Amino acid sequence: MANNLVTSNDGHIKAVRIRGAYNPLRLAVATFAFPSDANYTLTADRYRCPVLSVTAGVISTGRSIFLPLTAEAVYLVTNNTAQTVTFIGATGTGVAVATTKSAWIRCDGTNYIRMTADA
């Protein structure tokens, strides 16, 4: 690390030089469709991903996707269906995301709360 420091004449650190290629943050994405025209409970392999992307499925009306009620869980959710999708826990309130929109949501242990407007 010492060779990455840029110091002034009096020895104080002015900056830290970063070496190597730029590596953007990459988050795991779970992309899935509703398997039937009913609400859907995510499987563990999907809800472990911080980015959830719902694609067109066989839903004919607004439906819910059930997530675990894990305090401080944060998700970036995208609704690519033709219906409103609500992301919710087994109890409490959820967040409805409009068709073709995305939002950041988080869980307080009881409810899912919208962190951003649909974008």
PDB file of N, CA and C in Angstrom:
ATOM      1  N   MET A   1       0.823  -1.190   0.000  1.00  0.00           N
ATOM      2  CA  MET A   1       0.000   0.000   0.000  1.00  0.00           C
ATOM      3  C   MET A   1       0.862   1.247   0.000  1.00  0.00           C
ATOM      4  N   ALA A   2       2.035   1.174   0.613  1.00  0.00           N
ATOM      5  CA  ALA A   2       2.878   2.359   0.723  1.00  0.00           C
ATOM      6  C   ALA A   2       3.212   2.959  -0.637  1.00  0.00           C
ATOM      7  N   ASN A   3       3.433   2.142  -1.648  1.00  0.00           N
ATOM      8  CA  ASN A   3       3.767   2.673  -2.961  1.00  0.00           C
ATOM      9  C   ASN A   3       2.537   3.245  -3.687  1.00  0.00           C
ATOM     10  N   ASN A   4       1.339   3.113  -3.117  1.00  0.00           N
ATOM     11  CA  ASN A   4       0.133   3.673  -3.704  1.00  0.00           C
ATOM     12  C   ASN A   4      -0.233   5.028  -3.095  1.00  0.00           C
ATOM     13  N   LEU A   5       0.548   5.489  -2.109  1.00  0.00           N
ATOM     14  CA  LEU A   5       0.239   6.734  -1.431  1.00  0.00           C
ATOM     15  C   LEU A   5       0.932   7.907  -2.109  1.00  0.00           C
ATOM     16  N   VAL A   6       0.232   9.001  -2.231  1.00  0.00           N
ATOM     17  CA  VAL A   6       0.810  10.242  -2.730  1.00  0.00           C
ATOM     18  C   VAL A   6       0.897  11.165  -1.519  1.00  0.00           C
ATOM     19  N   THR A   7       2.116  11.519  -1.145  1.00  0.00           N
ATOM     20  CA  THR A   7       2.302  12.323   0.057  1.00  0.00           C
ATOM     21  C   THR A   7       2.800  13.721  -0.283  1.00  0.00           C
ATOM     22  N   SER A   8       2.578  14.630   0.671  1.00  0.00           N
ATOM     23  CA  SER A   8       3.080  15.996   0.518  1.00  0.00           C
ATOM     24  C   SER A   8       4.502  16.045   1.074  1.00  0.00           C
ATOM     25  N   ASN A   9       5.146  17.217   0.997  1.00  0.00           N
ATOM     26  CA  ASN A   9       6.519  17.360   1.482  1.00  0.00           C
ATOM     27  C   ASN A   9       6.640  17.101   2.974  1.00  0.00           C
ATOM     28  N   ASP A  10       5.553  17.355   3.730  1.00  0.00           N
ATOM     29  CA  ASP A  10       5.630  17.129   5.176  1.00  0.00           C
ATOM     30  C   ASP A  10       5.218  15.708   5.567  1.00  0.00           C
ATOM     31  N   GLY A  11       4.978  14.843   4.574  1.00  0.00           N
ATOM     32  CA  GLY A  11       4.696  13.447   4.849  1.00  0.00           C
ATOM     33  C   GLY A  11       3.225  13.101   5.001  1.00  0.00           C
ATOM     34  N   HIS A  12       2.346  14.104   4.956  1.00  0.00           N
ATOM     35  CA  HIS A  12       0.919  13.815   5.074  1.00  0.00           C
ATOM     36  C   HIS A  12       0.392  13.203   3.772  1.00  0.00           C
ATOM     37  N   ILE A  13      -0.541  12.293   3.917  1.00  0.00           N
ATOM     38  CA  ILE A  13      -1.123  11.639   2.742  1.00  0.00           C
ATOM     39  C   ILE A  13      -2.089  12.598   2.061  1.00  0.00           C
ATOM     40  N   LYS A  14      -1.881  12.834   0.759  1.00  0.00           N
ATOM     41  CA  LYS A  14      -2.764  13.693  -0.025  1.00  0.00           C
ATOM     42  C   LYS A  14      -3.775  12.866  -0.802  1.00  0.00           C
ATOM     43  N   ALA A  15      -3.410  11.682  -1.223  1.00  0.00           N
ATOM     44  CA  ALA A  15      -4.290  10.845  -2.035  1.00  0.00           C
ATOM     45  C   ALA A  15      -3.792   9.418  -2.013  1.00  0.00           C
ATOM     46  N   VAL A  16      -4.660   8.529  -2.370  1.00  0.00           N
ATOM     47  CA  VAL A  16      -4.294   7.128  -2.528  1.00  0.00           C
ATOM     48  C   VAL A  16      -4.482   6.787  -3.999  1.00  0.00           C
ATOM     49  N   ARG A  17      -3.412   6.323  -4.606  1.00  0.00           N
ATOM     50  CA  ARG A  17      -3.445   5.966  -6.012  1.00  0.00           C
ATOM     51  C   ARG A  17      -4.031   4.570  -6.147  1.00  0.00           C
ATOM     52  N   ILE A  18      -5.029   4.411  -7.005  1.00  0.00           N
ATOM     53  CA  ILE A  18      -5.647   3.108  -7.242  1.00  0.00           C
ATOM     54  C   ILE A  18      -5.037   2.531  -8.515  1.00  0.00           C
ATOM     55  N   ARG A  19      -4.528   1.329  -8.410  1.00  0.00           N
ATOM     56  CA  ARG A  19      -3.934   0.673  -9.564  1.00  0.00           C
ATOM     57  C   ARG A  19      -4.842  -0.434 -10.062  1.00  0.00           C
ATOM     58  N   GLY A  20      -4.744  -0.714 -11.332  1.00  0.00           N
ATOM     59  CA  GLY A  20      -5.511  -1.801 -11.915  1.00  0.00           C
ATOM     60  C   GLY A  20      -6.691  -1.293 -12.715  1.00  0.00           C
ATOM     61  N   ALA A  21      -7.376  -2.212 -13.331  1.00  0.00           N
ATOM     62  CA  ALA A  21      -8.505  -1.888 -14.192  1.00  0.00           C
ATOM     63  C   ALA A  21      -9.727  -1.489 -13.367  1.00  0.00           C
ATOM     64  N   TYR A  22     -10.557  -0.678 -13.974  1.00  0.00           N
ATOM     65  CA  TYR A  22     -11.813  -0.287 -13.362  1.00  0.00           C
ATOM     66  C   TYR A  22     -12.751  -1.482 -13.392  1.00  0.00           C
ATOM     67  N   ASN A  23     -13.289  -1.850 -12.244  1.00  0.00           N
ATOM     68  CA  ASN A  23     -14.221  -2.968 -12.155  1.00  0.00           C
ATOM     69  C   ASN A  23     -15.537  -2.468 -11.589  1.00  0.00           C
ATOM     70  N   PRO A  24     -16.565  -2.315 -12.428  1.00  0.00           N
ATOM     71  CA  PRO A  24     -17.853  -1.851 -11.917  1.00  0.00           C
ATOM     72  C   PRO A  24     -18.491  -2.899 -11.011  1.00  0.00           C
ATOM     73  N   LEU A  25     -19.335  -2.440 -10.109  1.00  0.00           N
ATOM     74  CA  LEU A  25     -20.055  -3.327  -9.218  1.00  0.00           C
ATOM     75  C   LEU A  25     -21.039  -4.166 -10.026  1.00  0.00           C
ATOM     76  N   ARG A  26     -21.000  -5.461  -9.823  1.00  0.00           N
ATOM     77  CA  ARG A  26     -21.920  -6.356 -10.525  1.00  0.00           C
ATOM     78  C   ARG A  26     -22.728  -7.109  -9.476  1.00  0.00           C
ATOM     79  N   LEU A  27     -24.051  -7.020  -9.604  1.00  0.00           N
ATOM     80  CA  LEU A  27     -24.932  -7.691  -8.664  1.00  0.00           C
ATOM     81  C   LEU A  27     -25.609  -8.875  -9.343  1.00  0.00           C
ATOM     82  N   ALA A  28     -25.834  -9.925  -8.582  1.00  0.00           N
ATOM     83  CA  ALA A  28     -26.518 -11.094  -9.119  1.00  0.00           C
ATOM     84  C   ALA A  28     -27.967 -10.739  -9.436  1.00  0.00           C
ATOM     85  N   VAL A  29     -28.452 -11.174 -10.584  1.00  0.00           N
ATOM     86  CA  VAL A  29     -29.810 -10.885 -11.043  1.00  0.00           C
ATOM     87  C   VAL A  29     -30.593 -12.190 -11.151  1.00  0.00           C
ATOM     88  N   ALA A  30     -31.792 -12.193 -10.573  1.00  0.00           N
ATOM     89  CA  ALA A  30     -32.717 -13.314 -10.748  1.00  0.00           C
ATOM     90  C   ALA A  30     -33.799 -12.860 -11.712  1.00  0.00           C
ATOM     91  N   THR A  31     -33.851 -13.457 -12.882  1.00  0.00           N
ATOM     92  CA  THR A  31     -34.877 -13.149 -13.877  1.00  0.00           C
ATOM     93  C   THR A  31     -35.815 -14.344 -13.954  1.00  0.00           C
ATOM     94  N   PHE A  32     -37.105 -14.072 -13.810  1.00  0.00           N
ATOM     95  CA  PHE A  32     -38.071 -15.164 -13.779  1.00  0.00           C
ATOM     96  C   PHE A  32     -39.434 -14.661 -14.231  1.00  0.00           C
ATOM     97  N   ALA A  33     -40.316 -15.600 -14.555  1.00  0.00           N
ATOM     98  CA  ALA A  33     -41.692 -15.305 -14.948  1.00  0.00           C
ATOM     99  C   ALA A  33     -42.635 -15.986 -13.966  1.00  0.00           C
ATOM    100  N   PHE A  34     -43.857 -15.469 -13.875  1.00  0.00           N
ATOM    101  CA  PHE A  34     -44.870 -16.137 -13.069  1.00  0.00           C
ATOM    102  C   PHE A  34     -45.152 -17.501 -13.705  1.00  0.00           C
ATOM    103  N   PRO A  35     -45.060 -18.586 -12.938  1.00  0.00           N
ATOM    104  CA  PRO A  35     -45.293 -19.903 -13.519  1.00  0.00           C
ATOM    105  C   PRO A  35     -46.770 -20.200 -13.785  1.00  0.00           C
ATOM    106  N   SER A  36     -47.665 -19.455 -13.114  1.00  0.00           N
ATOM    107  CA  SER A  36     -49.103 -19.644 -13.325  1.00  0.00           C
ATOM    108  C   SER A  36     -49.796 -18.314 -13.056  1.00  0.00           C
ATOM    109  N   ASP A  37     -51.092 -18.254 -13.291  1.00  0.00           N
ATOM    110  CA  ASP A  37     -51.859 -17.024 -13.070  1.00  0.00           C
ATOM    111  C   ASP A  37     -52.254 -16.939 -11.601  1.00  0.00           C
ATOM    112  N   ALA A  38     -51.238 -16.841 -10.736  1.00  0.00           N
ATOM    113  CA  ALA A  38     -51.444 -16.798  -9.286  1.00  0.00           C
ATOM    114  C   ALA A  38     -50.269 -16.069  -8.647  1.00  0.00           C
ATOM    115  N   ASN A  39     -50.432 -15.691  -7.373  1.00  0.00           N
ATOM    116  CA  ASN A  39     -49.316 -15.104  -6.633  1.00  0.00           C
ATOM    117  C   ASN A  39     -48.178 -16.113  -6.583  1.00  0.00           C
ATOM    118  N   TYR A  40     -46.967 -15.625  -6.353  1.00  0.00           N
ATOM    119  CA  TYR A  40     -45.779 -16.475  -6.460  1.00  0.00           C
ATOM    120  C   TYR A  40     -44.845 -16.227  -5.283  1.00  0.00           C
ATOM    121  N   THR A  41     -44.372 -17.291  -4.662  1.00  0.00           N
ATOM    122  CA  THR A  41     -43.379 -17.209  -3.594  1.00  0.00           C
ATOM    123  C   THR A  41     -42.020 -17.528  -4.190  1.00  0.00           C
ATOM    124  N   LEU A  42     -41.087 -16.595  -4.043  1.00  0.00           N
ATOM    125  CA  LEU A  42     -39.754 -16.810  -4.606  1.00  0.00           C
ATOM    126  C   LEU A  42     -39.035 -17.956  -3.926  1.00  0.00           C
ATOM    127  N   THR A  43     -38.245 -18.656  -4.681  1.00  0.00           N
ATOM    128  CA  THR A  43     -37.399 -19.712  -4.144  1.00  0.00           C
ATOM    129  C   THR A  43     -36.128 -19.071  -3.579  1.00  0.00           C
ATOM    130  N   ALA A  44     -35.451 -19.779  -2.701  1.00  0.00           N
ATOM    131  CA  ALA A  44     -34.262 -19.243  -2.041  1.00  0.00           C
ATOM    132  C   ALA A  44     -33.180 -18.818  -3.020  1.00  0.00           C
ATOM    133  N   ASP A  45     -32.988 -19.580  -4.090  1.00  0.00           N
ATOM    134  CA  ASP A  45     -31.936 -19.213  -5.048  1.00  0.00           C
ATOM    135  C   ASP A  45     -32.255 -17.886  -5.730  1.00  0.00           C
ATOM    136  N   ARG A  46     -33.516 -17.513  -5.800  1.00  0.00           N
ATOM    137  CA  ARG A  46     -33.880 -16.238  -6.422  1.00  0.00           C
ATOM    138  C   ARG A  46     -33.863 -15.092  -5.426  1.00  0.00           C
ATOM    139  N   TYR A  47     -34.414 -15.285  -4.221  1.00  0.00           N
ATOM    140  CA  TYR A  47     -34.458 -14.152  -3.295  1.00  0.00           C
ATOM    141  C   TYR A  47     -33.095 -13.832  -2.690  1.00  0.00           C
ATOM    142  N   ARG A  48     -32.111 -14.659  -2.916  1.00  0.00           N
ATOM    143  CA  ARG A  48     -30.751 -14.329  -2.477  1.00  0.00           C
ATOM    144  C   ARG A  48     -30.089 -13.312  -3.404  1.00  0.00           C
ATOM    145  N   CYS A  49     -30.646 -13.115  -4.583  1.00  0.00           N
ATOM    146  CA  CYS A  49     -30.129 -12.129  -5.533  1.00  0.00           C
ATOM    147  C   CYS A  49     -30.681 -10.748  -5.180  1.00  0.00           C
ATOM    148  N   PRO A  50     -29.856  -9.717  -5.166  1.00  0.00           N
ATOM    149  CA  PRO A  50     -30.341  -8.380  -4.824  1.00  0.00           C
ATOM    150  C   PRO A  50     -31.107  -7.691  -5.945  1.00  0.00           C
ATOM    151  N   VAL A  51     -31.065  -8.243  -7.152  1.00  0.00           N
ATOM    152  CA  VAL A  51     -31.798  -7.673  -8.283  1.00  0.00           C
ATOM    153  C   VAL A  51     -32.801  -8.715  -8.764  1.00  0.00           C
ATOM    154  N   LEU A  52     -34.083  -8.340  -8.747  1.00  0.00           N
ATOM    155  CA  LEU A  52     -35.156  -9.240  -9.162  1.00  0.00           C
ATOM    156  C   LEU A  52     -35.837  -8.655 -10.383  1.00  0.00           C
ATOM    157  N   SER A  53     -35.883  -9.411 -11.452  1.00  0.00           N
ATOM    158  CA  SER A  53     -36.496  -8.958 -12.695  1.00  0.00           C
ATOM    159  C   SER A  53     -37.598  -9.936 -13.083  1.00  0.00           C
ATOM    160  N   VAL A  54     -38.844  -9.456 -13.048  1.00  0.00           N
ATOM    161  CA  VAL A  54     -39.990 -10.285 -13.387  1.00  0.00           C
ATOM    162  C   VAL A  54     -40.316 -10.063 -14.853  1.00  0.00           C
ATOM    163  N   THR A  55     -40.303 -11.139 -15.620  1.00  0.00           N
ATOM    164  CA  THR A  55     -40.622 -11.044 -17.045  1.00  0.00           C
ATOM    165  C   THR A  55     -42.065 -11.463 -17.258  1.00  0.00           C
ATOM    166  N   ALA A  56     -42.518 -11.317 -18.475  1.00  0.00           N
ATOM    167  CA  ALA A  56     -43.897 -11.674 -18.798  1.00  0.00           C
ATOM    168  C   ALA A  56     -44.162 -13.120 -18.419  1.00  0.00           C
ATOM    169  N   GLY A  57     -45.291 -13.313 -17.814  1.00  0.00           N
ATOM    170  CA  GLY A  57     -45.721 -14.653 -17.448  1.00  0.00           C
ATOM    171  C   GLY A  57     -47.166 -14.814 -17.878  1.00  0.00           C
ATOM    172  N   VAL A  58     -47.865 -15.692 -17.228  1.00  0.00           N
ATOM    173  CA  VAL A  58     -49.243 -15.970 -17.611  1.00  0.00           C
ATOM    174  C   VAL A  58     -50.234 -15.287 -16.667  1.00  0.00           C
ATOM    175  N   ILE A  59     -49.895 -14.102 -16.158  1.00  0.00           N
ATOM    176  CA  ILE A  59     -50.814 -13.425 -15.241  1.00  0.00           C
ATOM    177  C   ILE A  59     -51.778 -12.540 -16.020  1.00  0.00           C
ATOM    178  N   SER A  60     -53.042 -12.551 -15.568  1.00  0.00           N
ATOM    179  CA  SER A  60     -54.081 -11.778 -16.250  1.00  0.00           C
ATOM    180  C   SER A  60     -54.519 -10.562 -15.448  1.00  0.00           C
ATOM    181  N   THR A  61     -54.004 -10.424 -14.226  1.00  0.00           N
ATOM    182  CA  THR A  61     -54.323  -9.301 -13.355  1.00  0.00           C
ATOM    183  C   THR A  61     -53.131  -9.062 -12.435  1.00  0.00           C
ATOM    184  N   GLY A  62     -53.170  -8.000 -11.653  1.00  0.00           N
ATOM    185  CA  GLY A  62     -52.078  -7.732 -10.722  1.00  0.00           C
ATOM    186  C   GLY A  62     -51.855  -8.896  -9.774  1.00  0.00           C
ATOM    187  N   ARG A  63     -50.615  -9.210  -9.504  1.00  0.00           N
ATOM    188  CA  ARG A  63     -50.274 -10.335  -8.629  1.00  0.00           C
ATOM    189  C   ARG A  63     -49.203  -9.920  -7.640  1.00  0.00           C
ATOM    190  N   SER A  64     -48.978 -10.783  -6.636  1.00  0.00           N
ATOM    191  CA  SER A  64     -47.965 -10.535  -5.606  1.00  0.00           C
ATOM    192  C   SER A  64     -46.831 -11.538  -5.726  1.00  0.00           C
ATOM    193  N   ILE A  65     -45.648 -11.056  -5.397  1.00  0.00           N
ATOM    194  CA  ILE A  65     -44.476 -11.917  -5.257  1.00  0.00           C
ATOM    195  C   ILE A  65     -44.086 -11.849  -3.789  1.00  0.00           C
ATOM    196  N   PHE A  66     -44.037 -13.006  -3.146  1.00  0.00           N
ATOM    197  CA  PHE A  66     -43.739 -13.068  -1.722  1.00  0.00           C
ATOM    198  C   PHE A  66     -42.239 -13.243  -1.500  1.00  0.00           C
ATOM    199  N   LEU A  67     -41.696 -12.356  -0.669  1.00  0.00           N
ATOM    200  CA  LEU A  67     -40.281 -12.350  -0.305  1.00  0.00           C
ATOM    201  C   LEU A  67     -40.163 -12.656   1.187  1.00  0.00           C
ATOM    202  N   PRO A  68     -39.002 -13.107   1.650  1.00  0.00           N
ATOM    203  CA  PRO A  68     -38.844 -13.348   3.088  1.00  0.00           C
ATOM    204  C   PRO A  68     -38.824 -12.019   3.852  1.00  0.00           C
ATOM    205  N   LEU A  69     -39.318 -12.051   5.080  1.00  0.00           N
ATOM    206  CA  LEU A  69     -39.327 -10.850   5.925  1.00  0.00           C
ATOM    207  C   LEU A  69     -38.000 -10.757   6.668  1.00  0.00           C
ATOM    208  N   THR A  70     -36.970 -10.400   5.953  1.00  0.00           N
ATOM    209  CA  THR A  70     -35.629 -10.273   6.508  1.00  0.00           C
ATOM    210  C   THR A  70     -35.330  -8.788   6.718  1.00  0.00           C
ATOM    211  N   ALA A  71     -35.147  -8.393   7.978  1.00  0.00           N
ATOM    212  CA  ALA A  71     -34.879  -6.987   8.278  1.00  0.00           C
ATOM    213  C   ALA A  71     -33.661  -6.496   7.516  1.00  0.00           C
ATOM    214  N   GLU A  72     -33.784  -5.331   6.933  1.00  0.00           N
ATOM    215  CA  GLU A  72     -32.756  -4.624   6.174  1.00  0.00           C
ATOM    216  C   GLU A  72     -32.417  -5.273   4.836  1.00  0.00           C
ATOM    217  N   ALA A  73     -33.220  -6.233   4.372  1.00  0.00           N
ATOM    218  CA  ALA A  73     -33.031  -6.769   3.023  1.00  0.00           C
ATOM    219  C   ALA A  73     -33.374  -5.668   2.022  1.00  0.00           C
ATOM    220  N   VAL A  74     -32.546  -5.501   0.997  1.00  0.00           N
ATOM    221  CA  VAL A  74     -32.757  -4.466  -0.023  1.00  0.00           C
ATOM    222  C   VAL A  74     -32.757  -5.140  -1.388  1.00  0.00           C
ATOM    223  N   TYR A  75     -33.726  -4.755  -2.216  1.00  0.00           N
ATOM    224  CA  TYR A  75     -33.834  -5.307  -3.567  1.00  0.00           C
ATOM    225  C   TYR A  75     -34.054  -4.188  -4.571  1.00  0.00           C
ATOM    226  N   LEU A  76     -33.487  -4.367  -5.744  1.00  0.00           N
ATOM    227  CA  LEU A  76     -33.851  -3.571  -6.911  1.00  0.00           C
ATOM    228  C   LEU A  76     -34.779  -4.471  -7.707  1.00  0.00           C
ATOM    229  N   VAL A  77     -36.052  -4.064  -7.825  1.00  0.00           N
ATOM    230  CA  VAL A  77     -37.046  -4.902  -8.495  1.00  0.00           C
ATOM    231  C   VAL A  77     -37.478  -4.258  -9.804  1.00  0.00           C
ATOM    232  N   THR A  78     -37.665  -5.085 -10.823  1.00  0.00           N
ATOM    233  CA  THR A  78     -38.113  -4.625 -12.131  1.00  0.00           C
ATOM    234  C   THR A  78     -39.316  -5.455 -12.543  1.00  0.00           C
ATOM    235  N   ASN A  79     -40.372  -4.767 -12.958  1.00  0.00           N
ATOM    236  CA  ASN A  79     -41.590  -5.425 -13.407  1.00  0.00           C
ATOM    237  C   ASN A  79     -41.696  -5.284 -14.920  1.00  0.00           C
ATOM    238  N   ASN A  80     -41.423  -6.343 -15.639  1.00  0.00           N
ATOM    239  CA  ASN A  80     -41.524  -6.348 -17.100  1.00  0.00           C
ATOM    240  C   ASN A  80     -42.752  -7.115 -17.573  1.00  0.00           C
ATOM    241  N   THR A  81     -43.806  -7.091 -16.761  1.00  0.00           N
ATOM    242  CA  THR A  81     -45.047  -7.749 -17.144  1.00  0.00           C
ATOM    243  C   THR A  81     -46.042  -6.688 -17.600  1.00  0.00           C
ATOM    244  N   ALA A  82     -47.210  -7.127 -18.027  1.00  0.00           N
ATOM    245  CA  ALA A  82     -48.264  -6.205 -18.452  1.00  0.00           C
ATOM    246  C   ALA A  82     -49.219  -5.874 -17.307  1.00  0.00           C
ATOM    247  N   GLN A  83     -48.880  -6.305 -16.077  1.00  0.00           N
ATOM    248  CA  GLN A  83     -49.724  -6.066 -14.906  1.00  0.00           C
ATOM    249  C   GLN A  83     -48.884  -5.488 -13.772  1.00  0.00           C
ATOM    250  N   THR A  84     -49.529  -4.830 -12.818  1.00  0.00           N
ATOM    251  CA  THR A  84     -48.839  -4.349 -11.623  1.00  0.00           C
ATOM    252  C   THR A  84     -48.445  -5.546 -10.767  1.00  0.00           C
ATOM    253  N   VAL A  85     -47.222  -5.514 -10.237  1.00  0.00           N
ATOM    254  CA  VAL A  85     -46.730  -6.589  -9.384  1.00  0.00           C
ATOM    255  C   VAL A  85     -46.405  -5.989  -8.019  1.00  0.00           C
ATOM    256  N   THR A  86     -46.901  -6.637  -6.956  1.00  0.00           N
ATOM    257  CA  THR A  86     -46.640  -6.194  -5.583  1.00  0.00           C
ATOM    258  C   THR A  86     -45.614  -7.126  -4.953  1.00  0.00           C
ATOM    259  N   PHE A  87     -44.558  -6.547  -4.409  1.00  0.00           N
ATOM    260  CA  PHE A  87     -43.515  -7.287  -3.699  1.00  0.00           C
ATOM    261  C   PHE A  87     -43.831  -7.152  -2.217  1.00  0.00           C
ATOM    262  N   ILE A  88     -44.035  -8.287  -1.537  1.00  0.00           N
ATOM    263  CA  ILE A  88     -44.570  -8.280  -0.181  1.00  0.00           C
ATOM    264  C   ILE A  88     -44.039  -9.479   0.589  1.00  0.00           C
ATOM    265  N   GLY A  89     -44.064  -9.378   1.913  1.00  0.00           N
ATOM    266  CA  GLY A  89     -43.735 -10.510   2.766  1.00  0.00           C
ATOM    267  C   GLY A  89     -44.994 -11.312   3.048  1.00  0.00           C
ATOM    268  N   ALA A  90     -44.884 -12.351   3.860  1.00  0.00           N
ATOM    269  CA  ALA A  90     -46.045 -13.173   4.196  1.00  0.00           C
ATOM    270  C   ALA A  90     -47.079 -12.374   4.982  1.00  0.00           C
ATOM    271  N   THR A  91     -46.643 -11.355   5.702  1.00  0.00           N
ATOM    272  CA  THR A  91     -47.533 -10.456   6.438  1.00  0.00           C
ATOM    273  C   THR A  91     -47.068  -9.029   6.178  1.00  0.00           C
ATOM    274  N   GLY A  92     -47.825  -8.062   6.629  1.00  0.00           N
ATOM    275  CA  GLY A  92     -47.427  -6.665   6.487  1.00  0.00           C
ATOM    276  C   GLY A  92     -47.818  -6.099   5.136  1.00  0.00           C
ATOM    277  N   THR A  93     -47.227  -4.961   4.825  1.00  0.00           N
ATOM    278  CA  THR A  93     -47.535  -4.278   3.569  1.00  0.00           C
ATOM    279  C   THR A  93     -46.424  -4.508   2.557  1.00  0.00           C
ATOM    280  N   GLY A  94     -46.756  -4.280   1.307  1.00  0.00           N
ATOM    281  CA  GLY A  94     -45.797  -4.474   0.228  1.00  0.00           C
ATOM    282  C   GLY A  94     -45.697  -3.246  -0.635  1.00  0.00           C
ATOM    283  N   VAL A  95     -44.971  -3.382  -1.721  1.00  0.00           N
ATOM    284  CA  VAL A  95     -44.736  -2.288  -2.661  1.00  0.00           C
ATOM    285  C   VAL A  95     -45.239  -2.724  -4.037  1.00  0.00           C
ATOM    286  N   ALA A  96     -46.185  -1.945  -4.582  1.00  0.00           N
ATOM    287  CA  ALA A  96     -46.706  -2.220  -5.922  1.00  0.00           C
ATOM    288  C   ALA A  96     -45.832  -1.495  -6.939  1.00  0.00           C
ATOM    289  N   VAL A  97     -45.333  -2.220  -7.915  1.00  0.00           N
ATOM    290  CA  VAL A  97     -44.491  -1.655  -8.963  1.00  0.00           C
ATOM    291  C   VAL A  97     -45.265  -1.750 -10.275  1.00  0.00           C
ATOM    292  N   ALA A  98     -45.410  -0.610 -10.926  1.00  0.00           N
ATOM    293  CA  ALA A  98     -46.184  -0.535 -12.167  1.00  0.00           C
ATOM    294  C   ALA A  98     -45.496  -1.302 -13.290  1.00  0.00           C
ATOM    295  N   THR A  99     -46.263  -1.578 -14.311  1.00  0.00           N
ATOM    296  CA  THR A  99     -45.755  -2.315 -15.461  1.00  0.00           C
ATOM    297  C   THR A  99     -44.594  -1.570 -16.123  1.00  0.00           C
ATOM    298  N   THR A 100     -43.582  -2.299 -16.502  1.00  0.00           N
ATOM    299  CA  THR A 100     -42.340  -1.833 -17.145  1.00  0.00           C
ATOM    300  C   THR A 100     -41.558  -0.834 -16.298  1.00  0.00           C
ATOM    301  N   LYS A 101     -41.687  -0.879 -14.988  1.00  0.00           N
ATOM    302  CA  LYS A 101     -40.987   0.044 -14.087  1.00  0.00           C
ATOM    303  C   LYS A 101     -40.078  -0.719 -13.134  1.00  0.00           C
ATOM    304  N   SER A 102     -39.163   0.024 -12.488  1.00  0.00           N
ATOM    305  CA  SER A 102     -38.246  -0.515 -11.487  1.00  0.00           C
ATOM    306  C   SER A 102     -38.306   0.349 -10.244  1.00  0.00           C
ATOM    307  N   ALA A 103     -37.939  -0.228  -9.098  1.00  0.00           N
ATOM    308  CA  ALA A 103     -37.885   0.525  -7.841  1.00  0.00           C
ATOM    309  C   ALA A 103     -36.940  -0.185  -6.879  1.00  0.00           C
ATOM    310  N   TRP A 104     -36.363   0.592  -5.971  1.00  0.00           N
ATOM    311  CA  TRP A 104     -35.591   0.044  -4.859  1.00  0.00           C
ATOM    312  C   TRP A 104     -36.559  -0.141  -3.701  1.00  0.00           C
ATOM    313  N   ILE A 105     -36.526  -1.320  -3.073  1.00  0.00           N
ATOM    314  CA  ILE A 105     -37.374  -1.584  -1.918  1.00  0.00           C
ATOM    315  C   ILE A 105     -36.515  -2.165  -0.805  1.00  0.00           C
ATOM    316  N   ARG A 106     -37.010  -2.066   0.425  1.00  0.00           N
ATOM    317  CA  ARG A 106     -36.305  -2.678   1.554  1.00  0.00           C
ATOM    318  C   ARG A 106     -37.315  -3.207   2.550  1.00  0.00           C
ATOM    319  N   CYS A 107     -36.864  -4.108   3.400  1.00  0.00           N
ATOM    320  CA  CYS A 107     -37.720  -4.708   4.408  1.00  0.00           C
ATOM    321  C   CYS A 107     -37.302  -4.203   5.786  1.00  0.00           C
ATOM    322  N   ASP A 108     -38.293  -3.860   6.610  1.00  0.00           N
ATOM    323  CA  ASP A 108     -37.998  -3.453   7.986  1.00  0.00           C
ATOM    324  C   ASP A 108     -38.219  -4.601   8.967  1.00  0.00           C
ATOM    325  N   GLY A 109     -38.425  -5.796   8.447  1.00  0.00           N
ATOM    326  CA  GLY A 109     -38.680  -6.969   9.276  1.00  0.00           C
ATOM    327  C   GLY A 109     -40.159  -7.317   9.336  1.00  0.00           C
ATOM    328  N   THR A 110     -41.020  -6.344   8.999  1.00  0.00           N
ATOM    329  CA  THR A 110     -42.465  -6.545   8.999  1.00  0.00           C
ATOM    330  C   THR A 110     -43.088  -6.198   7.657  1.00  0.00           C
ATOM    331  N   ASN A 111     -42.626  -5.115   7.058  1.00  0.00           N
ATOM    332  CA  ASN A 111     -43.184  -4.597   5.810  1.00  0.00           C
ATOM    333  C   ASN A 111     -42.084  -4.391   4.777  1.00  0.00           C
ATOM    334  N   TYR A 112     -42.484  -4.388   3.513  1.00  0.00           N
ATOM    335  CA  TYR A 112     -41.589  -3.930   2.461  1.00  0.00           C
ATOM    336  C   TYR A 112     -41.923  -2.480   2.182  1.00  0.00           C
ATOM    337  N   ILE A 113     -40.905  -1.648   2.073  1.00  0.00           N
ATOM    338  CA  ILE A 113     -41.046  -0.197   1.974  1.00  0.00           C
ATOM    339  C   ILE A 113     -40.369   0.278   0.701  1.00  0.00           C
ATOM    340  N   ARG A 114     -41.024   1.169   0.004  1.00  0.00           N
ATOM    341  CA  ARG A 114     -40.462   1.757  -1.219  1.00  0.00           C
ATOM    342  C   ARG A 114     -39.356   2.751  -0.837  1.00  0.00           C
ATOM    343  N   MET A 115     -38.192   2.620  -1.453  1.00  0.00           N
ATOM    344  CA  MET A 115     -37.094   3.559  -1.233  1.00  0.00           C
ATOM    345  C   MET A 115     -37.031   4.592  -2.347  1.00  0.00           C
ATOM    346  N   THR A 116     -37.535   4.249  -3.543  1.00  0.00           N
ATOM    347  CA  THR A 116     -37.534   5.164  -4.666  1.00  0.00           C
ATOM    348  C   THR A 116     -38.879   5.088  -5.381  1.00  0.00           C
ATOM    349  N   ALA A 117     -39.181   6.107  -6.133  1.00  0.00           N
ATOM    350  CA  ALA A 117     -40.369   6.058  -6.985  1.00  0.00           C
ATOM    351  C   ALA A 117     -40.107   5.102  -8.139  1.00  0.00           C
ATOM    352  N   ASP A 118     -41.179   4.646  -8.775  1.00  0.00           N
ATOM    353  CA  ASP A 118     -41.015   3.818  -9.966  1.00  0.00           C
ATOM    354  C   ASP A 118     -40.259   4.620 -11.023  1.00  0.00           C
ATOM    355  N   ALA A 119     -39.324   3.956 -11.657  1.00  0.00           N
ATOM    356  CA  ALA A 119     -38.541   4.628 -12.703  1.00  0.00           C
ATOM    357  C   ALA A 119     -38.457   3.734 -13.921  1.00  0.00           C
TER     358      ALA A 119
END
